[in-house]
Structures are given as C-alpha cells and as structure tokens.
Amino acid sequence: MPLWLDLLRTPMAAPETPALRRMRRTWQGLCLSVALVVAFFTQIHTAIGRGAPCFVAALLVGACLYTWLYVRRKNAADSAFLERAGEPG
C-alpha cells in the first residue's frame, strides 16, 4: 500500500472538548509567556531585579508541568476515542 494511502487511513484525533480546548489555550499562553520572558529578560531583570531569575524558573517549571498534564490528558482522550471507534490504540 502506498504511504499516502496508509496515511489517509490513519485515524483522526479525538474531538476537542471544552476542557481540553481551555487546557490547550492555557498551554499556548504559557509557551508564549516563556518566549516573551526570554526575549525581554533584560527589561524584566531591570524592572524586577534579583527576583527575575526565580520568576523565569517558576514560569519554566509551570510550563513543563502543565505540558506533561496536557499531553497526558490529550493522549487519554485520544485513546478513549480510538477505543470507541474500534481502532487499536
């Protein structure tokens, strides 16, 4: 079977629930916040002072933990959807 035909047969992800949509948007906001903090660290350090590295570290840890939580819940929703659809998950 050609690769493109095999990819067409690949099951789609589960429909996004309102809770997962909120989680995804929160996660995107965290990622954007990390990018902005990295881009403007000098200005943030000037404004906050010695607390800036702690703020950045807390933001990074929060983003990493939230990423883990979101990926775990998204994978669980996708697996449950595939099971209901009769696909091997």
PDB file of N, CA and C in Angstrom:
ATOM      1  N   MET A   1       0.842  -1.171   0.000  1.00  0.00           N
ATOM      2  CA  MET A   1       0.000   0.000   0.000  1.00  0.00           C
ATOM      3  C   MET A   1       0.893   1.241   0.000  1.00  0.00           C
ATOM      4  N   PRO A   2       0.618   2.211  -0.855  1.00  0.00           N
ATOM      5  CA  PRO A   2       1.429   3.432  -0.869  1.00  0.00           C
ATOM      6  C   PRO A   2       1.311   4.189   0.458  1.00  0.00           C
ATOM      7  N   LEU A   3       2.360   4.916   0.795  1.00  0.00           N
ATOM      8  CA  LEU A   3       2.393   5.649   2.059  1.00  0.00           C
ATOM      9  C   LEU A   3       1.240   6.643   2.156  1.00  0.00           C
ATOM     10  N   TRP A   4       0.950   7.369   1.081  1.00  0.00           N
ATOM     11  CA  TRP A   4      -0.112   8.383   1.148  1.00  0.00           C
ATOM     12  C   TRP A   4      -1.465   7.737   1.434  1.00  0.00           C
ATOM     13  N   LEU A   5      -1.693   6.542   0.912  1.00  0.00           N
ATOM     14  CA  LEU A   5      -2.958   5.862   1.169  1.00  0.00           C
ATOM     15  C   LEU A   5      -3.011   5.353   2.606  1.00  0.00           C
ATOM     16  N   ASP A   6      -1.878   4.897   3.107  1.00  0.00           N
ATOM     17  CA  ASP A   6      -1.817   4.460   4.501  1.00  0.00           C
ATOM     18  C   ASP A   6      -2.067   5.633   5.440  1.00  0.00           C
ATOM     19  N   LEU A   7      -1.525   6.811   5.110  1.00  0.00           N
ATOM     20  CA  LEU A   7      -1.745   7.995   5.940  1.00  0.00           C
ATOM     21  C   LEU A   7      -3.197   8.447   5.895  1.00  0.00           C
ATOM     22  N   LEU A   8      -3.871   8.262   4.778  1.00  0.00           N
ATOM     23  CA  LEU A   8      -5.284   8.604   4.683  1.00  0.00           C
ATOM     24  C   LEU A   8      -6.124   7.743   5.620  1.00  0.00           C
ATOM     25  N   ARG A   9      -5.707   6.527   5.823  1.00  0.00           N
ATOM     26  CA  ARG A   9      -6.444   5.609   6.683  1.00  0.00           C
ATOM     27  C   ARG A   9      -6.134   5.805   8.160  1.00  0.00           C
ATOM     28  N   THR A  10      -5.161   6.627   8.477  1.00  0.00           N
ATOM     29  CA  THR A  10      -4.790   6.870   9.865  1.00  0.00           C
ATOM     30  C   THR A  10      -5.943   7.552  10.586  1.00  0.00           C
ATOM     31  N   PRO A  11      -6.345   7.059  11.757  1.00  0.00           N
ATOM     32  CA  PRO A  11      -7.471   7.672  12.463  1.00  0.00           C
ATOM     33  C   PRO A  11      -7.145   9.085  12.926  1.00  0.00           C
ATOM     34  N   MET A  12      -8.161   9.883  12.974  1.00  0.00           N
ATOM     35  CA  MET A  12      -8.009  11.271  13.423  1.00  0.00           C
ATOM     36  C   MET A  12      -7.941  11.306  14.949  1.00  0.00           C
ATOM     37  N   ALA A  13      -7.563  12.456  15.472  1.00  0.00           N
ATOM     38  CA  ALA A  13      -7.549  12.647  16.921  1.00  0.00           C
ATOM     39  C   ALA A  13      -8.988  12.816  17.412  1.00  0.00           C
ATOM     40  N   ALA A  14      -9.152  12.692  18.709  1.00  0.00           N
ATOM     41  CA  ALA A  14     -10.471  12.841  19.305  1.00  0.00           C
ATOM     42  C   ALA A  14     -10.955  14.278  19.145  1.00  0.00           C
ATOM     43  N   PRO A  15     -12.270  14.464  19.038  1.00  0.00           N
ATOM     44  CA  PRO A  15     -12.799  15.831  19.018  1.00  0.00           C
ATOM     45  C   PRO A  15     -12.408  16.550  20.312  1.00  0.00           C
ATOM     46  N   GLU A  16     -12.118  17.823  20.190  1.00  0.00           N
ATOM     47  CA  GLU A  16     -11.630  18.580  21.344  1.00  0.00           C
ATOM     48  C   GLU A  16     -12.799  19.001  22.226  1.00  0.00           C
ATOM     49  N   THR A  17     -12.743  18.619  23.487  1.00  0.00           N
ATOM     50  CA  THR A  17     -13.774  19.010  24.442  1.00  0.00           C
ATOM     51  C   THR A  17     -13.492  20.431  24.922  1.00  0.00           C
ATOM     52  N   PRO A  18     -14.493  21.097  25.513  1.00  0.00           N
ATOM     53  CA  PRO A  18     -14.236  22.447  26.044  1.00  0.00           C
ATOM     54  C   PRO A  18     -13.109  22.470  27.082  1.00  0.00           C
ATOM     55  N   ALA A  19     -13.013  21.426  27.895  1.00  0.00           N
ATOM     56  CA  ALA A  19     -11.941  21.384  28.904  1.00  0.00           C
ATOM     57  C   ALA A  19     -10.574  21.274  28.238  1.00  0.00           C
ATOM     58  N   LEU A  20     -10.460  20.408  27.214  1.00  0.00           N
ATOM     59  CA  LEU A  20      -9.175  20.282  26.514  1.00  0.00           C
ATOM     60  C   LEU A  20      -8.851  21.551  25.735  1.00  0.00           C
ATOM     61  N   ARG A  21      -9.866  22.209  25.198  1.00  0.00           N
ATOM     62  CA  ARG A  21      -9.631  23.474  24.484  1.00  0.00           C
ATOM     63  C   ARG A  21      -9.081  24.525  25.450  1.00  0.00           C
ATOM     64  N   ARG A  22      -9.657  24.591  26.661  1.00  0.00           N
ATOM     65  CA  ARG A  22      -9.147  25.524  27.673  1.00  0.00           C
ATOM     66  C   ARG A  22      -7.716  25.186  28.042  1.00  0.00           C
ATOM     67  N   MET A  23      -7.449  23.891  28.211  1.00  0.00           N
ATOM     68  CA  MET A  23      -6.085  23.476  28.550  1.00  0.00           C
ATOM     69  C   MET A  23      -5.112  23.833  27.433  1.00  0.00           C
ATOM     70  N   ARG A  24      -5.529  23.596  26.182  1.00  0.00           N
ATOM     71  CA  ARG A  24      -4.637  23.906  25.055  1.00  0.00           C
ATOM     72  C   ARG A  24      -4.343  25.402  24.990  1.00  0.00           C
ATOM     73  N   ARG A  25      -5.365  26.216  25.179  1.00  0.00           N
ATOM     74  CA  ARG A  25      -5.150  27.671  25.128  1.00  0.00           C
ATOM     75  C   ARG A  25      -4.296  28.154  26.299  1.00  0.00           C
ATOM     76  N   THR A  26      -4.483  27.560  27.463  1.00  0.00           N
ATOM     77  CA  THR A  26      -3.635  27.898  28.608  1.00  0.00           C
ATOM     78  C   THR A  26      -2.193  27.507  28.325  1.00  0.00           C
ATOM     79  N   TRP A  27      -2.016  26.320  27.757  1.00  0.00           N
ATOM     80  CA  TRP A  27      -0.674  25.855  27.418  1.00  0.00           C
ATOM     81  C   TRP A  27      -0.021  26.779  26.389  1.00  0.00           C
ATOM     82  N   GLN A  28      -0.780  27.181  25.380  1.00  0.00           N
ATOM     83  CA  GLN A  28      -0.241  28.111  24.388  1.00  0.00           C
ATOM     84  C   GLN A  28       0.137  29.443  25.034  1.00  0.00           C
ATOM     85  N   GLY A  29      -0.684  29.906  25.972  1.00  0.00           N
ATOM     86  CA  GLY A  29      -0.361  31.138  26.690  1.00  0.00           C
ATOM     87  C   GLY A  29       0.917  31.007  27.501  1.00  0.00           C
ATOM     88  N   LEU A  30       1.093  29.861  28.145  1.00  0.00           N
ATOM     89  CA  LEU A  30       2.332  29.630  28.892  1.00  0.00           C
ATOM     90  C   LEU A  30       3.546  29.623  27.969  1.00  0.00           C
ATOM     91  N   CYS A  31       3.400  28.966  26.816  1.00  0.00           N
ATOM     92  CA  CYS A  31       4.520  28.936  25.858  1.00  0.00           C
ATOM     93  C   CYS A  31       4.840  30.335  25.348  1.00  0.00           C
ATOM     94  N   LEU A  32       3.820  31.114  25.067  1.00  0.00           N
ATOM     95  CA  LEU A  32       4.031  32.495  24.615  1.00  0.00           C
ATOM     96  C   LEU A  32       4.680  33.318  25.721  1.00  0.00           C
ATOM     97  N   SER A  33       4.251  33.096  26.956  1.00  0.00           N
ATOM     98  CA  SER A  33       4.848  33.816  28.084  1.00  0.00           C
ATOM     99  C   SER A  33       6.327  33.483  28.234  1.00  0.00           C
ATOM    100  N   VAL A  34       6.669  32.214  28.087  1.00  0.00           N
ATOM    101  CA  VAL A  34       8.078  31.819  28.173  1.00  0.00           C
ATOM    102  C   VAL A  34       8.876  32.499  27.067  1.00  0.00           C
ATOM    103  N   ALA A  35       8.331  32.527  25.850  1.00  0.00           N
ATOM    104  CA  ALA A  35       9.030  33.167  24.734  1.00  0.00           C
ATOM    105  C   ALA A  35       9.221  34.663  24.993  1.00  0.00           C
ATOM    106  N   LEU A  36       8.192  35.320  25.515  1.00  0.00           N
ATOM    107  CA  LEU A  36       8.310  36.758  25.796  1.00  0.00           C
ATOM    108  C   LEU A  36       9.301  37.035  26.918  1.00  0.00           C
ATOM    109  N   VAL A  37       9.307  36.190  27.935  1.00  0.00           N
ATOM    110  CA  VAL A  37      10.257  36.373  29.039  1.00  0.00           C
ATOM    111  C   VAL A  37      11.684  36.189  28.548  1.00  0.00           C
ATOM    112  N   VAL A  38      11.895  35.216  27.677  1.00  0.00           N
ATOM    113  CA  VAL A  38      13.237  35.007  27.124  1.00  0.00           C
ATOM    114  C   VAL A  38      13.638  36.197  26.258  1.00  0.00           C
ATOM    115  N   ALA A  39      12.701  36.689  25.454  1.00  0.00           N
ATOM    116  CA  ALA A  39      13.017  37.799  24.546  1.00  0.00           C
ATOM    117  C   ALA A  39      13.291  39.108  25.296  1.00  0.00           C
ATOM    118  N   PHE A  40      12.575  39.314  26.383  1.00  0.00           N
ATOM    119  CA  PHE A  40      12.687  40.586  27.105  1.00  0.00           C
ATOM    120  C   PHE A  40      13.254  40.410  28.507  1.00  0.00           C
ATOM    121  N   PHE A  41      14.158  39.440  28.672  1.00  0.00           N
ATOM    122  CA  PHE A  41      14.689  39.172  30.002  1.00  0.00           C
ATOM    123  C   PHE A  41      15.438  40.371  30.575  1.00  0.00           C
ATOM    124  N   THR A  42      16.173  41.075  29.762  1.00  0.00           N
ATOM    125  CA  THR A  42      16.937  42.227  30.263  1.00  0.00           C
ATOM    126  C   THR A  42      16.005  43.271  30.862  1.00  0.00           C
ATOM    127  N   GLN A  43      14.928  43.561  30.164  1.00  0.00           N
ATOM    128  CA  GLN A  43      13.977  44.550  30.672  1.00  0.00           C
ATOM    129  C   GLN A  43      13.272  44.040  31.935  1.00  0.00           C
ATOM    130  N   ILE A  44      12.946  42.758  31.964  1.00  0.00           N
ATOM    131  CA  ILE A  44      12.294  42.185  33.148  1.00  0.00           C
ATOM    132  C   ILE A  44      13.261  42.192  34.326  1.00  0.00           C
ATOM    133  N   HIS A  45      14.527  41.877  34.062  1.00  0.00           N
ATOM    134  CA  HIS A  45      15.529  41.888  35.126  1.00  0.00           C
ATOM    135  C   HIS A  45      15.711  43.298  35.672  1.00  0.00           C
ATOM    136  N   THR A  46      15.685  44.270  34.789  1.00  0.00           N
ATOM    137  CA  THR A  46      15.802  45.660  35.228  1.00  0.00           C
ATOM    138  C   THR A  46      14.605  46.064  36.087  1.00  0.00           C
ATOM    139  N   ALA A  47      13.420  45.640  35.706  1.00  0.00           N
ATOM    140  CA  ALA A  47      12.205  46.019  36.428  1.00  0.00           C
ATOM    141  C   ALA A  47      12.050  45.272  37.751  1.00  0.00           C
ATOM    142  N   ILE A  48      12.331  43.977  37.757  1.00  0.00           N
ATOM    143  CA  ILE A  48      12.098  43.165  38.952  1.00  0.00           C
ATOM    144  C   ILE A  48      13.337  43.080  39.824  1.00  0.00           C
ATOM    145  N   GLY A  49      14.493  43.052  39.198  1.00  0.00           N
ATOM    146  CA  GLY A  49      15.733  42.944  39.963  1.00  0.00           C
ATOM    147  C   GLY A  49      16.151  41.499  40.143  1.00  0.00           C
ATOM    148  N   ARG A  50      16.617  41.197  41.363  1.00  0.00           N
ATOM    149  CA  ARG A  50      17.163  39.869  41.621  1.00  0.00           C
ATOM    150  C   ARG A  50      16.108  38.770  41.605  1.00  0.00           C
ATOM    151  N   GLY A  51      14.840  39.123  41.637  1.00  0.00           N
ATOM    152  CA  GLY A  51      13.783  38.121  41.611  1.00  0.00           C
ATOM    153  C   GLY A  51      13.465  37.611  40.219  1.00  0.00           C
ATOM    154  N   ALA A  52      14.033  38.228  39.191  1.00  0.00           N
ATOM    155  CA  ALA A  52      13.728  37.841  37.808  1.00  0.00           C
ATOM    156  C   ALA A  52      14.095  36.386  37.502  1.00  0.00           C
ATOM    157  N   PRO A  53      15.274  35.914  37.878  1.00  0.00           N
ATOM    158  CA  PRO A  53      15.585  34.508  37.587  1.00  0.00           C
ATOM    159  C   PRO A  53      14.625  33.527  38.274  1.00  0.00           C
ATOM    160  N   CYS A  54      14.194  33.856  39.483  1.00  0.00           N
ATOM    161  CA  CYS A  54      13.226  32.996  40.176  1.00  0.00           C
ATOM    162  C   CYS A  54      11.887  33.006  39.441  1.00  0.00           C
ATOM    163  N   PHE A  55      11.480  34.169  38.961  1.00  0.00           N
ATOM    164  CA  PHE A  55      10.242  34.284  38.194  1.00  0.00           C
ATOM    165  C   PHE A  55      10.322  33.445  36.923  1.00  0.00           C
ATOM    166  N   VAL A  56      11.442  33.540  36.221  1.00  0.00           N
ATOM    167  CA  VAL A  56      11.628  32.771  34.987  1.00  0.00           C
ATOM    168  C   VAL A  56      11.652  31.274  35.281  1.00  0.00           C
ATOM    169  N   ALA A  57      12.348  30.891  36.338  1.00  0.00           N
ATOM    170  CA  ALA A  57      12.409  29.472  36.707  1.00  0.00           C
ATOM    171  C   ALA A  57      11.016  28.933  37.056  1.00  0.00           C
ATOM    172  N   ALA A  58      10.245  29.709  37.803  1.00  0.00           N
ATOM    173  CA  ALA A  58       8.888  29.287  38.160  1.00  0.00           C
ATOM    174  C   ALA A  58       8.016  29.161  36.913  1.00  0.00           C
ATOM    175  N   LEU A  59       8.160  30.085  35.984  1.00  0.00           N
ATOM    176  CA  LEU A  59       7.392  30.029  34.744  1.00  0.00           C
ATOM    177  C   LEU A  59       7.779  28.803  33.920  1.00  0.00           C
ATOM    178  N   LEU A  60       9.055  28.510  33.837  1.00  0.00           N
ATOM    179  CA  LEU A  60       9.518  27.332  33.091  1.00  0.00           C
ATOM    180  C   LEU A  60       9.046  26.029  33.730  1.00  0.00           C
ATOM    181  N   VAL A  61       9.148  25.937  35.038  1.00  0.00           N
ATOM    182  CA  VAL A  61       8.688  24.730  35.734  1.00  0.00           C
ATOM    183  C   VAL A  61       7.180  24.575  35.551  1.00  0.00           C
ATOM    184  N   GLY A  62       6.443  25.672  35.689  1.00  0.00           N
ATOM    185  CA  GLY A  62       4.999  25.621  35.487  1.00  0.00           C
ATOM    186  C   GLY A  62       4.633  25.184  34.084  1.00  0.00           C
ATOM    187  N   ALA A  63       5.340  25.715  33.091  1.00  0.00           N
ATOM    188  CA  ALA A  63       5.069  25.344  31.696  1.00  0.00           C
ATOM    189  C   ALA A  63       5.391  23.864  31.460  1.00  0.00           C
ATOM    190  N   CYS A  64       6.474  23.381  32.026  1.00  0.00           N
ATOM    191  CA  CYS A  64       6.831  21.959  31.861  1.00  0.00           C
ATOM    192  C   CYS A  64       5.807  21.042  32.520  1.00  0.00           C
ATOM    193  N   LEU A  65       5.396  21.362  33.721  1.00  0.00           N
ATOM    194  CA  LEU A  65       4.410  20.531  34.413  1.00  0.00           C
ATOM    195  C   LEU A  65       3.057  20.569  33.699  1.00  0.00           C
ATOM    196  N   TYR A  66       2.664  21.742  33.226  1.00  0.00           N
ATOM    197  CA  TYR A  66       1.384  21.855  32.527  1.00  0.00           C
ATOM    198  C   TYR A  66       1.439  21.127  31.184  1.00  0.00           C
ATOM    199  N   THR A  67       2.592  21.154  30.531  1.00  0.00           N
ATOM    200  CA  THR A  67       2.760  20.406  29.280  1.00  0.00           C
ATOM    201  C   THR A  67       2.575  18.919  29.536  1.00  0.00           C
ATOM    202  N   TRP A  68       3.180  18.411  30.590  1.00  0.00           N
ATOM    203  CA  TRP A  68       3.046  16.999  30.948  1.00  0.00           C
ATOM    204  C   TRP A  68       1.582  16.653  31.205  1.00  0.00           C
ATOM    205  N   LEU A  69       0.888  17.502  31.967  1.00  0.00           N
ATOM    206  CA  LEU A  69      -0.518  17.255  32.283  1.00  0.00           C
ATOM    207  C   LEU A  69      -1.383  17.295  31.025  1.00  0.00           C
ATOM    208  N   TYR A  70      -1.169  18.287  30.181  1.00  0.00           N
ATOM    209  CA  TYR A  70      -1.967  18.413  28.962  1.00  0.00           C
ATOM    210  C   TYR A  70      -1.748  17.231  28.023  1.00  0.00           C
ATOM    211  N   VAL A  71      -0.511  16.852  27.808  1.00  0.00           N
ATOM    212  CA  VAL A  71      -0.209  15.735  26.911  1.00  0.00           C
ATOM    213  C   VAL A  71      -0.811  14.442  27.456  1.00  0.00           C
ATOM    214  N   ARG A  72      -0.742  14.258  28.740  1.00  0.00           N
ATOM    215  CA  ARG A  72      -1.316  13.056  29.352  1.00  0.00           C
ATOM    216  C   ARG A  72      -2.831  12.999  29.150  1.00  0.00           C
ATOM    217  N   ARG A  73      -3.511  14.119  29.404  1.00  0.00           N
ATOM    218  CA  ARG A  73      -4.974  14.136  29.240  1.00  0.00           C
ATOM    219  C   ARG A  73      -5.383  14.040  27.777  1.00  0.00           C
ATOM    220  N   LYS A  74      -4.637  14.680  26.897  1.00  0.00           N
ATOM    221  CA  LYS A  74      -4.940  14.620  25.468  1.00  0.00           C
ATOM    222  C   LYS A  74      -4.755  13.194  24.946  1.00  0.00           C
ATOM    223  N   ASN A  75      -3.680  12.539  25.345  1.00  0.00           N
ATOM    224  CA  ASN A  75      -3.459  11.151  24.924  1.00  0.00           C
ATOM    225  C   ASN A  75      -4.545  10.227  25.465  1.00  0.00           C
ATOM    226  N   ALA A  76      -4.990  10.456  26.695  1.00  0.00           N
ATOM    227  CA  ALA A  76      -6.062   9.641  27.262  1.00  0.00           C
ATOM    228  C   ALA A  76      -7.361   9.830  26.478  1.00  0.00           C
ATOM    229  N   ALA A  77      -7.664  11.078  26.110  1.00  0.00           N
ATOM    230  CA  ALA A  77      -8.872  11.351  25.330  1.00  0.00           C
ATOM    231  C   ALA A  77      -8.773  10.717  23.949  1.00  0.00           C
ATOM    232  N   ASP A  78      -7.613  10.799  23.324  1.00  0.00           N
ATOM    233  CA  ASP A  78      -7.425  10.187  22.004  1.00  0.00           C
ATOM    234  C   ASP A  78      -7.549   8.658  22.081  1.00  0.00           C
ATOM    235  N   SER A  79      -6.962   8.056  23.108  1.00  0.00           N
ATOM    236  CA  SER A  79      -7.038   6.594  23.259  1.00  0.00           C
ATOM    237  C   SER A  79      -8.472   6.144  23.481  1.00  0.00           C
ATOM    238  N   ALA A  80      -9.204   6.873  24.319  1.00  0.00           N
ATOM    239  CA  ALA A  80     -10.601   6.516  24.569  1.00  0.00           C
ATOM    240  C   ALA A  80     -11.430   6.663  23.297  1.00  0.00           C
ATOM    241  N   PHE A  81     -11.158   7.707  22.527  1.00  0.00           N
ATOM    242  CA  PHE A  81     -11.876   7.918  21.269  1.00  0.00           C
ATOM    243  C   PHE A  81     -11.597   6.789  20.287  1.00  0.00           C
ATOM    244  N   LEU A  82     -10.339   6.369  20.181  1.00  0.00           N
ATOM    245  CA  LEU A  82      -9.981   5.287  19.270  1.00  0.00           C
ATOM    246  C   LEU A  82     -10.589   3.958  19.708  1.00  0.00           C
ATOM    247  N   GLU A  83     -10.654   3.724  21.009  1.00  0.00           N
ATOM    248  CA  GLU A  83     -11.283   2.504  21.508  1.00  0.00           C
ATOM    249  C   GLU A  83     -12.767   2.470  21.157  1.00  0.00           C
ATOM    250  N   ARG A  84     -13.445   3.608  21.329  1.00  0.00           N
ATOM    251  CA  ARG A  84     -14.862   3.675  20.984  1.00  0.00           C
ATOM    252  C   ARG A  84     -15.076   3.510  19.483  1.00  0.00           C
ATOM    253  N   ALA A  85     -14.113   3.963  18.691  1.00  0.00           N
ATOM    254  CA  ALA A  85     -14.221   3.859  17.240  1.00  0.00           C
ATOM    255  C   ALA A  85     -13.822   2.469  16.740  1.00  0.00           C
ATOM    256  N   GLY A  86     -13.300   1.636  17.627  1.00  0.00           N
ATOM    257  CA  GLY A  86     -12.912   0.288  17.237  1.00  0.00           C
ATOM    258  C   GLY A  86     -11.524   0.180  16.635  1.00  0.00           C
ATOM    259  N   GLU A  87     -10.726   1.213  16.777  1.00  0.00           N
ATOM    260  CA  GLU A  87      -9.346   1.200  16.272  1.00  0.00           C
ATOM    261  C   GLU A  87      -8.422   0.688  17.364  1.00  0.00           C
ATOM    262  N   PRO A  88      -7.359   0.010  16.995  1.00  0.00           N
ATOM    263  CA  PRO A  88      -6.378  -0.378  18.014  1.00  0.00           C
ATOM    264  C   PRO A  88      -5.652   0.853  18.522  1.00  0.00           C
ATOM    265  N   GLY A  89      -5.541   1.035  19.806  1.00  0.00           N
ATOM    266  CA  GLY A  89      -4.951   2.244  20.344  1.00  0.00           C
ATOM    267  C   GLY A  89      -3.718   1.988  21.079  1.00  0.00           C
TER     268      GLY A  89
END
